[in-house]
Amino acid sequence: MSELKKILVALGITDYSQGIFQYGLNLAAAFDAELIAANIINVRDVEAVRSIASMGYDVDGEHYVEGVRKERKLFIDNIINNSNLGNFSREKIKIIVKVGNPIESLLKIIVKENADMIVMGPKGRTDLEHVLVGSVAAKLFRRSPVTVVSYKDEKLSRQLMKKIH
């Protein structure tokens, strides 16, 4: 395995985010790598708000984006604050919140930040128990130029073990 200098952790707004972040943090600490915590505000959601605003409703698309961006950064800050950093320096963690297509945006972050690995969860916001790999994760597995690590929490791991027996 080549040297890991930067690890990207893709975080959605899910119950799994804390575990995904901690797993990425543990990897970064083990390899003395930098950690990038990224969240993508889906452009489809932003376009929906702008569409509602264009119908005359009192909704401002730009204020919506800024509000969501602040909420997402706060969400990630809370995850970091609730993590076991150990000896890992907080200064080695970079937070990125972008608006865009989740797949394309994460691929661009990988290239721009020169990430060596991406850690993500297998499921997205739908969190359907029968769906093992979400569409973003599945597409990133195929298209990512770097190693993709799929984090599974204990509950999902147990469910998958039961299906094997």
Foldseek 3Di string as FASTA:
>chain_A
DDQFAEEEEEAAPDPCRLVLVQVSLVVCVVRVHFYEYEYEAEQVVLVVQVVVVVVPDPGDSVVVVVVVQVVVVVVVVVSVVPHDNPPPDPVSYHYYYYYYHVQVVVQVCCVVVVGQEYEYEQDHDVPDLVRRHYPSRVVCCVPHPHYYHHDDDPVNVVVVVVVVD
